């Protein structure tokens, strides 16, 4: 499955100053890991955000967000954001903060 290279590059650029950043192929797309914990990624043309269980409902209530379901199995604490929800750089930055915040709350792998 192909993924949106433009969105992937926007994520690379926005996350460039994060320590412990790695990029890995995952879920047919690309994921951005912080110290081994996934924060955000791209699947198809959508943004994947690992919001975590405590902020999942908040994330899901945002415009253009939906449950990330992998093969009809929902991923607890993860959302997908449609392209309309990431077109604006400031809104994309808010999504990235959510994913980074959760990844940083976990112990390094």
PDB file of N, CA and C in Angstrom:
ATOM      1  N   UNK A   1       0.841  -1.177   0.000  1.00  0.00           N
ATOM      2  CA  UNK A   1       0.000   0.000   0.000  1.00  0.00           C
ATOM      3  C   UNK A   1       0.889   1.245   0.000  1.00  0.00           C
ATOM      4  N   UNK A   2       0.602   2.154  -0.877  1.00  0.00           N
ATOM      5  CA  UNK A   2       1.351   3.404  -0.937  1.00  0.00           C
ATOM      6  C   UNK A   2       0.851   4.352   0.147  1.00  0.00           C
ATOM      7  N   UNK A   3       1.707   5.287   0.513  1.00  0.00           N
ATOM      8  CA  UNK A   3       1.294   6.289   1.493  1.00  0.00           C
ATOM      9  C   UNK A   3       1.686   7.672   0.985  1.00  0.00           C
ATOM     10  N   UNK A   4       1.082   8.687   1.567  1.00  0.00           N
ATOM     11  CA  UNK A   4       1.272  10.071   1.149  1.00  0.00           C
ATOM     12  C   UNK A   4       2.675  10.541   1.530  1.00  0.00           C
ATOM     13  N   UNK A   5       3.560  10.588   0.547  1.00  0.00           N
ATOM     14  CA  UNK A   5       4.949  11.007   0.784  1.00  0.00           C
ATOM     15  C   UNK A   5       5.033  12.469   1.219  1.00  0.00           C
ATOM     16  N   UNK A   6       4.109  13.291   0.719  1.00  0.00           N
ATOM     17  CA  UNK A   6       4.107  14.701   1.122  1.00  0.00           C
ATOM     18  C   UNK A   6       3.810  14.865   2.598  1.00  0.00           C
ATOM     19  N   UNK A   7       2.832  14.126   3.092  1.00  0.00           N
ATOM     20  CA  UNK A   7       2.518  14.169   4.516  1.00  0.00           C
ATOM     21  C   UNK A   7       3.675  13.595   5.325  1.00  0.00           C
ATOM     22  N   UNK A   8       4.265  12.515   4.840  1.00  0.00           N
ATOM     23  CA  UNK A   8       5.414  11.921   5.536  1.00  0.00           C
ATOM     24  C   UNK A   8       6.554  12.932   5.655  1.00  0.00           C
ATOM     25  N   UNK A   9       6.792  13.695   4.608  1.00  0.00           N
ATOM     26  CA  UNK A   9       7.860  14.698   4.660  1.00  0.00           C
ATOM     27  C   UNK A   9       7.513  15.818   5.627  1.00  0.00           C
ATOM     28  N   UNK A  10       6.272  16.219   5.670  1.00  0.00           N
ATOM     29  CA  UNK A  10       5.856  17.239   6.637  1.00  0.00           C
ATOM     30  C   UNK A  10       6.112  16.753   8.065  1.00  0.00           C
ATOM     31  N   UNK A  11       5.843  15.464   8.323  1.00  0.00           N
ATOM     32  CA  UNK A  11       6.093  14.912   9.653  1.00  0.00           C
ATOM     33  C   UNK A  11       7.593  14.888   9.943  1.00  0.00           C
ATOM     34  N   UNK A  12       8.385  14.439   8.970  1.00  0.00           N
ATOM     35  CA  UNK A  12       9.852  14.423   9.152  1.00  0.00           C
ATOM     36  C   UNK A  12      10.360  15.812   9.520  1.00  0.00           C
ATOM     37  N   UNK A  13       9.903  16.803   8.775  1.00  0.00           N
ATOM     38  CA  UNK A  13      10.348  18.179   9.012  1.00  0.00           C
ATOM     39  C   UNK A  13       9.926  18.669  10.394  1.00  0.00           C
ATOM     40  N   UNK A  14       8.686  18.408  10.756  1.00  0.00           N
ATOM     41  CA  UNK A  14       8.157  18.888  12.037  1.00  0.00           C
ATOM     42  C   UNK A  14       8.812  18.190  13.230  1.00  0.00           C
ATOM     43  N   UNK A  15       9.215  16.945  13.049  1.00  0.00           N
ATOM     44  CA  UNK A  15       9.778  16.155  14.146  1.00  0.00           C
ATOM     45  C   UNK A  15      11.310  16.140  14.150  1.00  0.00           C
ATOM     46  N   UNK A  16      11.925  16.862  13.239  1.00  0.00           N
ATOM     47  CA  UNK A  16      13.380  16.793  13.056  1.00  0.00           C
ATOM     48  C   UNK A  16      14.176  17.084  14.325  1.00  0.00           C
ATOM     49  N   UNK A  17      13.684  17.915  15.197  1.00  0.00           N
ATOM     50  CA  UNK A  17      14.428  18.280  16.407  1.00  0.00           C
ATOM     51  C   UNK A  17      14.166  17.334  17.589  1.00  0.00           C
ATOM     52  N   UNK A  18      13.304  16.349  17.407  1.00  0.00           N
ATOM     53  CA  UNK A  18      13.002  15.408  18.484  1.00  0.00           C
ATOM     54  C   UNK A  18      14.161  14.426  18.665  1.00  0.00           C
ATOM     55  N   UNK A  19      14.584  14.235  19.897  1.00  0.00           N
ATOM     56  CA  UNK A  19      15.645  13.263  20.170  1.00  0.00           C
ATOM     57  C   UNK A  19      15.070  11.848  20.102  1.00  0.00           C
ATOM     58  N   UNK A  20      15.885  10.917  19.686  1.00  0.00           N
ATOM     59  CA  UNK A  20      15.474   9.521  19.631  1.00  0.00           C
ATOM     60  C   UNK A  20      14.497   9.203  18.518  1.00  0.00           C
ATOM     61  N   UNK A  21      14.428  10.052  17.486  1.00  0.00           N
ATOM     62  CA  UNK A  21      13.485   9.869  16.388  1.00  0.00           C
ATOM     63  C   UNK A  21      13.994   8.828  15.394  1.00  0.00           C
ATOM     64  N   UNK A  22      13.146   7.871  15.071  1.00  0.00           N
ATOM     65  CA  UNK A  22      13.426   6.924  13.996  1.00  0.00           C
ATOM     66  C   UNK A  22      12.172   6.774  13.149  1.00  0.00           C
ATOM     67  N   UNK A  23      12.387   6.353  11.924  1.00  0.00           N
ATOM     68  CA  UNK A  23      11.302   6.153  10.973  1.00  0.00           C
ATOM     69  C   UNK A  23      11.273   4.670  10.619  1.00  0.00           C
ATOM     70  N   UNK A  24      10.069   4.112  10.587  1.00  0.00           N
ATOM     71  CA  UNK A  24       9.957   2.676  10.345  1.00  0.00           C
ATOM     72  C   UNK A  24       8.707   2.368   9.521  1.00  0.00           C
ATOM     73  N   UNK A  25       8.834   1.463   8.583  1.00  0.00           N
ATOM     74  CA  UNK A  25       7.677   1.000   7.817  1.00  0.00           C
ATOM     75  C   UNK A  25       6.765   0.212   8.756  1.00  0.00           C
ATOM     76  N   UNK A  26       5.474   0.573   8.726  1.00  0.00           N
ATOM     77  CA  UNK A  26       4.527  -0.074   9.630  1.00  0.00           C
ATOM     78  C   UNK A  26       3.117   0.150   9.106  1.00  0.00           C
ATOM     79  N   UNK A  27       2.250  -0.848   9.238  1.00  0.00           N
ATOM     80  CA  UNK A  27       0.842  -0.740   8.851  1.00  0.00           C
ATOM     81  C   UNK A  27       0.672  -0.327   7.391  1.00  0.00           C
ATOM     82  N   UNK A  28       1.582  -0.738   6.522  1.00  0.00           N
ATOM     83  CA  UNK A  28       1.507  -0.374   5.115  1.00  0.00           C
ATOM     84  C   UNK A  28       1.868   1.071   4.853  1.00  0.00           C
ATOM     85  N   UNK A  29       2.430   1.725   5.834  1.00  0.00           N
ATOM     86  CA  UNK A  29       2.822   3.122   5.700  1.00  0.00           C
ATOM     87  C   UNK A  29       4.149   3.349   6.380  1.00  0.00           C
ATOM     88  N   UNK A  30       4.245   4.469   7.044  1.00  0.00           N
ATOM     89  CA  UNK A  30       5.471   4.814   7.757  1.00  0.00           C
ATOM     90  C   UNK A  30       5.101   5.343   9.145  1.00  0.00           C
ATOM     91  N   UNK A  31       5.892   4.947  10.130  1.00  0.00           N
ATOM     92  CA  UNK A  31       5.656   5.380  11.501  1.00  0.00           C
ATOM     93  C   UNK A  31       6.880   6.123  12.012  1.00  0.00           C
ATOM     94  N   UNK A  32       6.647   7.086  12.890  1.00  0.00           N
ATOM     95  CA  UNK A  32       7.721   7.857  13.514  1.00  0.00           C
ATOM     96  C   UNK A  32       7.757   7.497  14.986  1.00  0.00           C
ATOM     97  N   UNK A  33       8.893   6.962  15.378  1.00  0.00           N
ATOM     98  CA  UNK A  33       9.088   6.447  16.720  1.00  0.00           C
ATOM     99  C   UNK A  33       9.978   7.400  17.515  1.00  0.00           C
ATOM    100  N   UNK A  34       9.681   7.546  18.795  1.00  0.00           N
ATOM    101  CA  UNK A  34      10.508   8.324  19.710  1.00  0.00           C
ATOM    102  C   UNK A  34      11.008   7.376  20.783  1.00  0.00           C
ATOM    103  N   UNK A  35      12.296   7.161  20.802  1.00  0.00           N
ATOM    104  CA  UNK A  35      12.905   6.199  21.731  1.00  0.00           C
ATOM    105  C   UNK A  35      12.219   4.842  21.656  1.00  0.00           C
ATOM    106  N   UNK A  36      11.830   4.434  20.440  1.00  0.00           N
ATOM    107  CA  UNK A  36      11.233   3.126  20.216  1.00  0.00           C
ATOM    108  C   UNK A  36       9.733   3.052  20.362  1.00  0.00           C
ATOM    109  N   UNK A  37       9.078   4.144  20.737  1.00  0.00           N
ATOM    110  CA  UNK A  37       7.620   4.173  20.906  1.00  0.00           C
ATOM    111  C   UNK A  37       6.983   4.983  19.783  1.00  0.00           C
ATOM    112  N   UNK A  38       5.992   4.391  19.125  1.00  0.00           N
ATOM    113  CA  UNK A  38       5.345   5.102  18.035  1.00  0.00           C
ATOM    114  C   UNK A  38       4.584   6.315  18.548  1.00  0.00           C
ATOM    115  N   UNK A  39       4.758   7.428  17.836  1.00  0.00           N
ATOM    116  CA  UNK A  39       4.039   8.661  18.157  1.00  0.00           C
ATOM    117  C   UNK A  39       2.987   8.956  17.088  1.00  0.00           C
ATOM    118  N   UNK A  40       3.427   9.009  15.841  1.00  0.00           N
ATOM    119  CA  UNK A  40       2.553   9.327  14.709  1.00  0.00           C
ATOM    120  C   UNK A  40       3.042   8.557  13.487  1.00  0.00           C
ATOM    121  N   UNK A  41       2.254   8.610  12.439  1.00  0.00           N
ATOM    122  CA  UNK A  41       2.657   7.974  11.192  1.00  0.00           C
ATOM    123  C   UNK A  41       1.700   8.329  10.080  1.00  0.00           C
ATOM    124  N   UNK A  42       1.931   7.707   8.934  1.00  0.00           N
ATOM    125  CA  UNK A  42       1.095   7.921   7.760  1.00  0.00           C
ATOM    126  C   UNK A  42       0.649   6.562   7.243  1.00  0.00           C
ATOM    127  N   UNK A  43      -0.649   6.427   7.024  1.00  0.00           N
ATOM    128  CA  UNK A  43      -1.231   5.227   6.437  1.00  0.00           C
ATOM    129  C   UNK A  43      -2.102   5.677   5.273  1.00  0.00           C
ATOM    130  N   UNK A  44      -1.726   5.326   4.068  1.00  0.00           N
ATOM    131  CA  UNK A  44      -2.440   5.835   2.899  1.00  0.00           C
ATOM    132  C   UNK A  44      -2.266   7.342   2.839  1.00  0.00           C
ATOM    133  N   UNK A  45      -3.366   8.061   2.848  1.00  0.00           N
ATOM    134  CA  UNK A  45      -3.285   9.525   2.859  1.00  0.00           C
ATOM    135  C   UNK A  45      -3.705  10.103   4.209  1.00  0.00           C
ATOM    136  N   UNK A  46      -3.757   9.248   5.230  1.00  0.00           N
ATOM    137  CA  UNK A  46      -4.211   9.681   6.544  1.00  0.00           C
ATOM    138  C   UNK A  46      -3.076   9.703   7.569  1.00  0.00           C
ATOM    139  N   UNK A  47      -3.220  10.574   8.529  1.00  0.00           N
ATOM    140  CA  UNK A  47      -2.296  10.670   9.649  1.00  0.00           C
ATOM    141  C   UNK A  47      -2.718   9.684  10.726  1.00  0.00           C
ATOM    142  N   UNK A  48      -1.776   8.886  11.213  1.00  0.00           N
ATOM    143  CA  UNK A  48      -2.027   8.009  12.367  1.00  0.00           C
ATOM    144  C   UNK A  48      -1.487   8.740  13.593  1.00  0.00           C
ATOM    145  N   UNK A  49      -2.276   8.770  14.642  1.00  0.00           N
ATOM    146  CA  UNK A  49      -1.844   9.409  15.883  1.00  0.00           C
ATOM    147  C   UNK A  49      -2.076   8.440  17.032  1.00  0.00           C
ATOM    148  N   UNK A  50      -1.040   8.219  17.806  1.00  0.00           N
ATOM    149  CA  UNK A  50      -1.173   7.385  19.004  1.00  0.00           C
ATOM    150  C   UNK A  50      -1.449   8.321  20.173  1.00  0.00           C
ATOM    151  N   UNK A  51      -2.726   8.500  20.437  1.00  0.00           N
ATOM    152  CA  UNK A  51      -3.159   9.439  21.470  1.00  0.00           C
ATOM    153  C   UNK A  51      -3.071   8.846  22.870  1.00  0.00           C
ATOM    154  N   UNK A  52      -3.147   7.528  22.948  1.00  0.00           N
ATOM    155  CA  UNK A  52      -3.163   6.867  24.251  1.00  0.00           C
ATOM    156  C   UNK A  52      -4.563   6.769  24.794  1.00  0.00           C
ATOM    157  N   UNK A  53      -4.770   5.898  25.765  1.00  0.00           N
ATOM    158  CA  UNK A  53      -6.125   5.665  26.281  1.00  0.00           C
ATOM    159  C   UNK A  53      -6.728   6.863  27.011  1.00  0.00           C
ATOM    160  N   UNK A  54      -5.914   7.667  27.672  1.00  0.00           N
ATOM    161  CA  UNK A  54      -6.458   8.794  28.449  1.00  0.00           C
ATOM    162  C   UNK A  54      -6.959   9.937  27.574  1.00  0.00           C
ATOM    163  N   UNK A  55      -6.391  10.096  26.377  1.00  0.00           N
ATOM    164  CA  UNK A  55      -6.789  11.202  25.508  1.00  0.00           C
ATOM    165  C   UNK A  55      -7.475  10.731  24.232  1.00  0.00           C
ATOM    166  N   UNK A  56      -7.819   9.451  24.195  1.00  0.00           N
ATOM    167  CA  UNK A  56      -8.437   8.877  23.007  1.00  0.00           C
ATOM    168  C   UNK A  56      -9.768   9.543  22.670  1.00  0.00           C
ATOM    169  N   UNK A  57     -10.654   9.676  23.643  1.00  0.00           N
ATOM    170  CA  UNK A  57     -11.964  10.279  23.381  1.00  0.00           C
ATOM    171  C   UNK A  57     -11.821  11.720  22.903  1.00  0.00           C
ATOM    172  N   UNK A  58     -10.901  12.444  23.512  1.00  0.00           N
ATOM    173  CA  UNK A  58     -10.627  13.826  23.090  1.00  0.00           C
ATOM    174  C   UNK A  58     -10.179  13.850  21.631  1.00  0.00           C
ATOM    175  N   UNK A  59      -9.269  12.960  21.272  1.00  0.00           N
ATOM    176  CA  UNK A  59      -8.757  12.912  19.901  1.00  0.00           C
ATOM    177  C   UNK A  59      -9.858  12.533  18.927  1.00  0.00           C
ATOM    178  N   UNK A  60     -10.652  11.566  19.293  1.00  0.00           N
ATOM    179  CA  UNK A  60     -11.720  11.095  18.423  1.00  0.00           C
ATOM    180  C   UNK A  60     -12.790  12.159  18.190  1.00  0.00           C
ATOM    181  N   UNK A  61     -12.954  13.067  19.131  1.00  0.00           N
ATOM    182  CA  UNK A  61     -13.954  14.132  19.004  1.00  0.00           C
ATOM    183  C   UNK A  61     -13.500  15.255  18.073  1.00  0.00           C
ATOM    184  N   UNK A  62     -12.225  15.282  17.721  1.00  0.00           N
ATOM    185  CA  UNK A  62     -11.726  16.335  16.829  1.00  0.00           C
ATOM    186  C   UNK A  62     -12.245  16.111  15.405  1.00  0.00           C
ATOM    187  N   UNK A  63     -12.367  17.220  14.650  1.00  0.00           N
ATOM    188  CA  UNK A  63     -12.827  17.086  13.260  1.00  0.00           C
ATOM    189  C   UNK A  63     -11.914  16.169  12.445  1.00  0.00           C
ATOM    190  N   UNK A  64     -12.527  15.367  11.587  1.00  0.00           N
ATOM    191  CA  UNK A  64     -11.847  14.503  10.606  1.00  0.00           C
ATOM    192  C   UNK A  64     -11.121  13.314  11.223  1.00  0.00           C
ATOM    193  N   UNK A  65     -11.362  13.024  12.495  1.00  0.00           N
ATOM    194  CA  UNK A  65     -10.709  11.893  13.163  1.00  0.00           C
ATOM    195  C   UNK A  65     -11.669  10.705  13.229  1.00  0.00           C
ATOM    196  N   UNK A  66     -11.078   9.512  13.171  1.00  0.00           N
ATOM    197  CA  UNK A  66     -11.867   8.288  13.310  1.00  0.00           C
ATOM    198  C   UNK A  66     -11.003   7.235  13.991  1.00  0.00           C
ATOM    199  N   UNK A  67     -11.645   6.189  14.447  1.00  0.00           N
ATOM    200  CA  UNK A  67     -10.922   5.091  15.087  1.00  0.00           C
ATOM    201  C   UNK A  67     -10.021   4.415  14.064  1.00  0.00           C
ATOM    202  N   UNK A  68      -8.817   4.119  14.470  1.00  0.00           N
ATOM    203  CA  UNK A  68      -7.891   3.366  13.633  1.00  0.00           C
ATOM    204  C   UNK A  68      -8.200   1.892  13.832  1.00  0.00           C
ATOM    205  N   UNK A  69      -8.753   1.287  12.799  1.00  0.00           N
ATOM    206  CA  UNK A  69      -9.071  -0.138  12.900  1.00  0.00           C
ATOM    207  C   UNK A  69      -8.260  -0.891  11.863  1.00  0.00           C
ATOM    208  N   UNK A  70      -7.441  -1.759  12.349  1.00  0.00           N
ATOM    209  CA  UNK A  70      -6.559  -2.564  11.521  1.00  0.00           C
ATOM    210  C   UNK A  70      -7.227  -3.914  11.312  1.00  0.00           C
ATOM    211  N   UNK A  71      -7.615  -4.172  10.077  1.00  0.00           N
ATOM    212  CA  UNK A  71      -8.285  -5.436   9.746  1.00  0.00           C
ATOM    213  C   UNK A  71      -9.515  -5.665  10.617  1.00  0.00           C
ATOM    214  N   UNK A  72     -10.348  -4.633  10.726  1.00  0.00           N
ATOM    215  CA  UNK A  72     -11.599  -4.691  11.502  1.00  0.00           C
ATOM    216  C   UNK A  72     -11.377  -4.867  13.000  1.00  0.00           C
ATOM    217  N   UNK A  73     -10.193  -4.614  13.451  1.00  0.00           N
ATOM    218  CA  UNK A  73      -9.886  -4.679  14.888  1.00  0.00           C
ATOM    219  C   UNK A  73      -9.423  -3.292  15.311  1.00  0.00           C
ATOM    220  N   UNK A  74     -10.188  -2.625  16.155  1.00  0.00           N
ATOM    221  CA  UNK A  74      -9.829  -1.262  16.527  1.00  0.00           C
ATOM    222  C   UNK A  74      -8.582  -1.264  17.413  1.00  0.00           C
ATOM    223  N   UNK A  75      -7.780  -0.263  17.197  1.00  0.00           N
ATOM    224  CA  UNK A  75      -6.543  -0.092  17.945  1.00  0.00           C
ATOM    225  C   UNK A  75      -6.832   0.900  19.071  1.00  0.00           C
ATOM    226  N   UNK A  76      -6.878   0.439  20.291  1.00  0.00           N
ATOM    227  CA  UNK A  76      -7.202   1.276  21.437  1.00  0.00           C
ATOM    228  C   UNK A  76      -6.193   2.413  21.583  1.00  0.00           C
ATOM    229  N   UNK A  77      -6.694   3.633  21.630  1.00  0.00           N
ATOM    230  CA  UNK A  77      -5.833   4.788  21.829  1.00  0.00           C
ATOM    231  C   UNK A  77      -5.256   5.374  20.555  1.00  0.00           C
ATOM    232  N   UNK A  78      -5.619   4.823  19.403  1.00  0.00           N
ATOM    233  CA  UNK A  78      -5.086   5.303  18.127  1.00  0.00           C
ATOM    234  C   UNK A  78      -6.210   5.881  17.277  1.00  0.00           C
ATOM    235  N   UNK A  79      -5.917   6.955  16.557  1.00  0.00           N
ATOM    236  CA  UNK A  79      -6.882   7.528  15.628  1.00  0.00           C
ATOM    237  C   UNK A  79      -6.221   7.752  14.269  1.00  0.00           C
ATOM    238  N   UNK A  80      -7.059   7.801  13.251  1.00  0.00           N
ATOM    239  CA  UNK A  80      -6.654   8.215  11.912  1.00  0.00           C
ATOM    240  C   UNK A  80      -7.302   9.560  11.650  1.00  0.00           C
ATOM    241  N   UNK A  81      -6.557  10.427  10.997  1.00  0.00           N
ATOM    242  CA  UNK A  81      -7.052  11.762  10.682  1.00  0.00           C
ATOM    243  C   UNK A  81      -7.063  11.908   9.166  1.00  0.00           C
ATOM    244  N   UNK A  82      -8.226  12.230   8.603  1.00  0.00           N
ATOM    245  CA  UNK A  82      -8.383  12.407   7.159  1.00  0.00           C
ATOM    246  C   UNK A  82      -7.541  13.595   6.684  1.00  0.00           C
ATOM    247  N   UNK A  83      -7.197  13.620   5.399  1.00  0.00           N
ATOM    248  CA  UNK A  83      -6.370  14.712   4.863  1.00  0.00           C
ATOM    249  C   UNK A  83      -6.898  16.112   5.174  1.00  0.00           C
ATOM    250  N   UNK A  84      -8.211  16.266   5.205  1.00  0.00           N
ATOM    251  CA  UNK A  84      -8.781  17.580   5.515  1.00  0.00           C
ATOM    252  C   UNK A  84      -8.395  18.050   6.912  1.00  0.00           C
ATOM    253  N   UNK A  85      -8.101  17.116   7.789  1.00  0.00           N
ATOM    254  CA  UNK A  85      -7.738  17.444   9.161  1.00  0.00           C
ATOM    255  C   UNK A  85      -6.262  17.719   9.366  1.00  0.00           C
ATOM    256  N   UNK A  86      -5.471  17.626   8.305  1.00  0.00           N
ATOM    257  CA  UNK A  86      -4.030  17.880   8.438  1.00  0.00           C
ATOM    258  C   UNK A  86      -3.531  18.919   7.441  1.00  0.00           C
ATOM    259  N   UNK A  87      -4.430  19.522   6.685  1.00  0.00           N
ATOM    260  CA  UNK A  87      -4.024  20.484   5.655  1.00  0.00           C
ATOM    261  C   UNK A  87      -3.372  21.728   6.261  1.00  0.00           C
ATOM    262  N   UNK A  88      -3.862  22.172   7.400  1.00  0.00           N
ATOM    263  CA  UNK A  88      -3.340  23.360   8.073  1.00  0.00           C
ATOM    264  C   UNK A  88      -2.165  22.971   8.972  1.00  0.00           C
ATOM    265  N   UNK A  89      -1.031  23.662   8.834  1.00  0.00           N
ATOM    266  CA  UNK A  89       0.173  23.320   9.605  1.00  0.00           C
ATOM    267  C   UNK A  89      -0.027  23.444  11.114  1.00  0.00           C
ATOM    268  N   UNK A  90      -0.804  24.425  11.551  1.00  0.00           N
ATOM    269  CA  UNK A  90      -1.035  24.603  12.990  1.00  0.00           C
ATOM    270  C   UNK A  90      -1.850  23.446  13.561  1.00  0.00           C
ATOM    271  N   UNK A  91      -2.832  22.983  12.811  1.00  0.00           N
ATOM    272  CA  UNK A  91      -3.636  21.851  13.268  1.00  0.00           C
ATOM    273  C   UNK A  91      -2.801  20.575  13.245  1.00  0.00           C
ATOM    274  N   UNK A  92      -1.984  20.415  12.206  1.00  0.00           N
ATOM    275  CA  UNK A  92      -1.080  19.263  12.164  1.00  0.00           C
ATOM    276  C   UNK A  92      -0.150  19.283  13.378  1.00  0.00           C
ATOM    277  N   UNK A  93       0.347  20.442  13.733  1.00  0.00           N
ATOM    278  CA  UNK A  93       1.232  20.561  14.904  1.00  0.00           C
ATOM    279  C   UNK A  93       0.514  20.131  16.181  1.00  0.00           C
ATOM    280  N   UNK A  94      -0.774  20.444  16.305  1.00  0.00           N
ATOM    281  CA  UNK A  94      -1.545  20.004  17.476  1.00  0.00           C
ATOM    282  C   UNK A  94      -1.641  18.479  17.528  1.00  0.00           C
ATOM    283  N   UNK A  95      -1.884  17.855  16.377  1.00  0.00           N
ATOM    284  CA  UNK A  95      -1.924  16.392  16.322  1.00  0.00           C
ATOM    285  C   UNK A  95      -0.571  15.795  16.695  1.00  0.00           C
ATOM    286  N   UNK A  96       0.494  16.388  16.177  1.00  0.00           N
ATOM    287  CA  UNK A  96       1.826  15.872  16.479  1.00  0.00           C
ATOM    288  C   UNK A  96       2.136  15.992  17.963  1.00  0.00           C
ATOM    289  N   UNK A  97       1.729  17.090  18.571  1.00  0.00           N
ATOM    290  CA  UNK A  97       1.957  17.272  20.007  1.00  0.00           C
ATOM    291  C   UNK A  97       1.270  16.165  20.798  1.00  0.00           C
ATOM    292  N   UNK A  98       0.072  15.794  20.373  1.00  0.00           N
ATOM    293  CA  UNK A  98      -0.668  14.737  21.052  1.00  0.00           C
ATOM    294  C   UNK A  98       0.091  13.407  20.971  1.00  0.00           C
ATOM    295  N   UNK A  99       0.544  13.041  19.777  1.00  0.00           N
ATOM    296  CA  UNK A  99       1.279  11.797  19.604  1.00  0.00           C
ATOM    297  C   UNK A  99       2.629  11.802  20.301  1.00  0.00           C
ATOM    298  N   UNK A 100       3.344  12.909  20.194  1.00  0.00           N
ATOM    299  CA  UNK A 100       4.657  13.029  20.842  1.00  0.00           C
ATOM    300  C   UNK A 100       4.501  12.966  22.355  1.00  0.00           C
ATOM    301  N   UNK A 101       3.512  13.656  22.869  1.00  0.00           N
ATOM    302  CA  UNK A 101       3.272  13.671  24.309  1.00  0.00           C
ATOM    303  C   UNK A 101       3.037  12.253  24.841  1.00  0.00           C
ATOM    304  N   UNK A 102       2.232  11.480  24.124  1.00  0.00           N
ATOM    305  CA  UNK A 102       1.988  10.119  24.588  1.00  0.00           C
ATOM    306  C   UNK A 102       3.250   9.262  24.487  1.00  0.00           C
ATOM    307  N   UNK A 103       3.943   9.338  23.367  1.00  0.00           N
ATOM    308  CA  UNK A 103       5.157   8.528  23.183  1.00  0.00           C
ATOM    309  C   UNK A 103       6.197   8.870  24.256  1.00  0.00           C
ATOM    310  N   UNK A 104       6.303  10.137  24.605  1.00  0.00           N
ATOM    311  CA  UNK A 104       7.282  10.548  25.617  1.00  0.00           C
ATOM    312  C   UNK A 104       6.875  10.112  27.038  1.00  0.00           C
ATOM    313  N   UNK A 105       5.598   9.769  27.218  1.00  0.00           N
ATOM    314  CA  UNK A 105       5.148   9.320  28.535  1.00  0.00           C
ATOM    315  C   UNK A 105       5.501   7.856  28.795  1.00  0.00           C
ATOM    316  N   UNK A 106       5.980   7.172  27.778  1.00  0.00           N
ATOM    317  CA  UNK A 106       6.321   5.747  27.889  1.00  0.00           C
ATOM    318  C   UNK A 106       7.816   5.576  28.120  1.00  0.00           C
ATOM    319  N   UNK A 107       8.209   4.492  28.768  1.00  0.00           N
ATOM    320  CA  UNK A 107       9.639   4.241  28.931  1.00  0.00           C
ATOM    321  C   UNK A 107      10.284   3.899  27.601  1.00  0.00           C
ATOM    322  N   UNK A 108      11.538   4.312  27.380  1.00  0.00           N
ATOM    323  CA  UNK A 108      12.222   3.961  26.123  1.00  0.00           C
ATOM    324  C   UNK A 108      12.284   2.452  25.942  1.00  0.00           C
ATOM    325  N   UNK A 109      12.251   2.030  24.704  1.00  0.00           N
ATOM    326  CA  UNK A 109      12.369   0.593  24.384  1.00  0.00           C
ATOM    327  C   UNK A 109      13.794   0.278  23.988  1.00  0.00           C
TER     328      UNK A 109
END
